């Protein structure tokens, strides 16, 4: 039996906020790995009171499938990012 989030559930809110964060990171060509995405999701879940929310590898795979996310290497001079921007992004979760 597959579990689905209802549109009003806290899980759906965590999913939505995490995906928005991912889209912002992607728009700045910031590298986002699976573990980084899981860590950000844990922080979002804790902020909405879901301390027991599990960001397992299975969760990550389903999240990627739901949002059609593929992890690719960002390379080339045109996609280079100032390392201070990356550090700021990782500390604050936003630019």
Protein backbone atom coordinates (compact mmCIF):
# COMPACT_ATOMS: atom_id res chain seq x y z
CA UNK A 1 0.00 0.00 0.00
CA UNK A 2 1.44 3.37 -0.98
CA UNK A 3 1.15 6.28 1.36
CA UNK A 4 0.34 9.63 -0.19
CA UNK A 5 0.43 13.04 1.40
CA UNK A 6 -2.81 14.94 1.44
CA UNK A 7 -2.54 18.49 0.20
CA UNK A 8 -3.24 19.84 3.69
CA UNK A 9 -0.87 17.59 5.64
CA UNK A 10 2.31 18.78 7.30
CA UNK A 11 4.20 16.29 5.14
CA UNK A 12 2.95 18.04 2.02
CA UNK A 13 4.08 21.37 3.48
CA UNK A 14 7.56 19.95 4.14
CA UNK A 15 7.63 18.63 0.57
CA UNK A 16 6.56 21.99 -0.87
CA UNK A 17 9.05 24.07 1.14
CA UNK A 18 11.89 21.65 0.37
CA UNK A 19 11.12 21.70 -3.34
CA UNK A 20 10.99 25.51 -3.37
CA UNK A 21 14.38 25.58 -1.63
CA UNK A 22 15.75 23.11 -4.18
CA UNK A 23 14.47 25.25 -7.07
CA UNK A 24 16.13 28.38 -5.64
CA UNK A 25 19.43 26.53 -5.18
CA UNK A 26 19.19 25.17 -8.71
CA UNK A 27 18.48 28.63 -10.13
CA UNK A 28 21.78 29.83 -8.60
CA UNK A 29 23.60 26.76 -10.00
CA UNK A 30 24.40 25.67 -6.46
CA UNK A 31 25.27 22.00 -6.11
CA UNK A 32 22.61 20.08 -4.18
CA UNK A 33 23.36 16.49 -3.25
CA UNK A 34 21.00 13.90 -1.81
CA UNK A 35 22.42 14.22 1.73
CA UNK A 36 22.17 18.02 1.58
CA UNK A 37 18.56 17.79 0.43
CA UNK A 38 17.80 15.35 3.25
CA UNK A 39 19.40 17.66 5.83
CA UNK A 40 17.42 20.67 4.61
CA UNK A 41 14.24 18.59 4.73
CA UNK A 42 14.95 17.56 8.35
CA UNK A 43 15.33 21.22 9.28
CA UNK A 44 12.07 22.15 7.56
CA UNK A 45 10.26 19.24 9.24
CA UNK A 46 11.54 20.30 12.66
CA UNK A 47 10.38 23.88 12.04
CA UNK A 48 6.80 22.68 11.46
CA UNK A 49 6.90 20.34 14.47
CA UNK A 50 7.53 17.04 12.72
CA UNK A 51 10.58 15.93 14.70
CA UNK A 52 9.91 12.28 13.79
CA UNK A 53 9.80 12.96 10.02
CA UNK A 54 12.17 10.48 8.35
CA UNK A 55 14.28 11.56 5.40
CA UNK A 56 15.46 8.07 4.49
CA UNK A 57 16.98 7.10 1.17
CA UNK A 58 13.55 5.78 0.21
CA UNK A 59 12.02 9.17 1.00
CA UNK A 60 14.72 10.86 -1.10
CA UNK A 61 14.05 8.55 -4.05
CA UNK A 62 10.30 9.24 -3.88
CA UNK A 63 10.89 13.01 -3.56
CA UNK A 64 13.13 12.95 -6.63
CA UNK A 65 10.54 10.96 -8.59
CA UNK A 66 7.67 13.24 -7.51
CA UNK A 67 9.54 16.32 -8.70
CA UNK A 68 11.45 14.76 -11.61
CA UNK A 69 14.82 15.64 -10.06
CA UNK A 70 18.05 14.27 -11.47
CA UNK A 71 21.36 14.98 -9.78
CA UNK A 72 23.91 16.08 -12.35
CA UNK A 73 27.33 17.61 -12.08
CA UNK A 74 27.39 21.35 -12.66
CA UNK A 75 30.61 22.19 -14.42
CA UNK A 76 32.16 24.68 -16.73
CA UNK A 77 33.19 28.28 -16.30
CA UNK A 78 29.72 29.56 -17.13
CA UNK A 79 28.28 27.63 -14.19
CA UNK A 80 30.98 28.45 -11.66
CA UNK A 81 29.80 29.86 -8.35
CA UNK A 82 31.57 32.09 -5.88
CA UNK A 83 32.40 29.84 -2.91
CA UNK A 84 31.25 32.52 -0.44
CA UNK A 85 27.77 32.33 -1.98
CA UNK A 86 27.73 28.56 -1.41
CA UNK A 87 28.87 28.95 2.21
CA UNK A 88 26.20 31.61 2.86
CA UNK A 89 23.54 29.43 1.20
CA UNK A 90 24.44 26.41 3.31
CA UNK A 91 24.45 28.43 6.54
CA UNK A 92 21.21 30.28 5.96
CA UNK A 93 19.32 28.14 3.47
CA UNK A 94 18.80 31.17 1.26
CA UNK A 95 20.71 33.78 -0.68
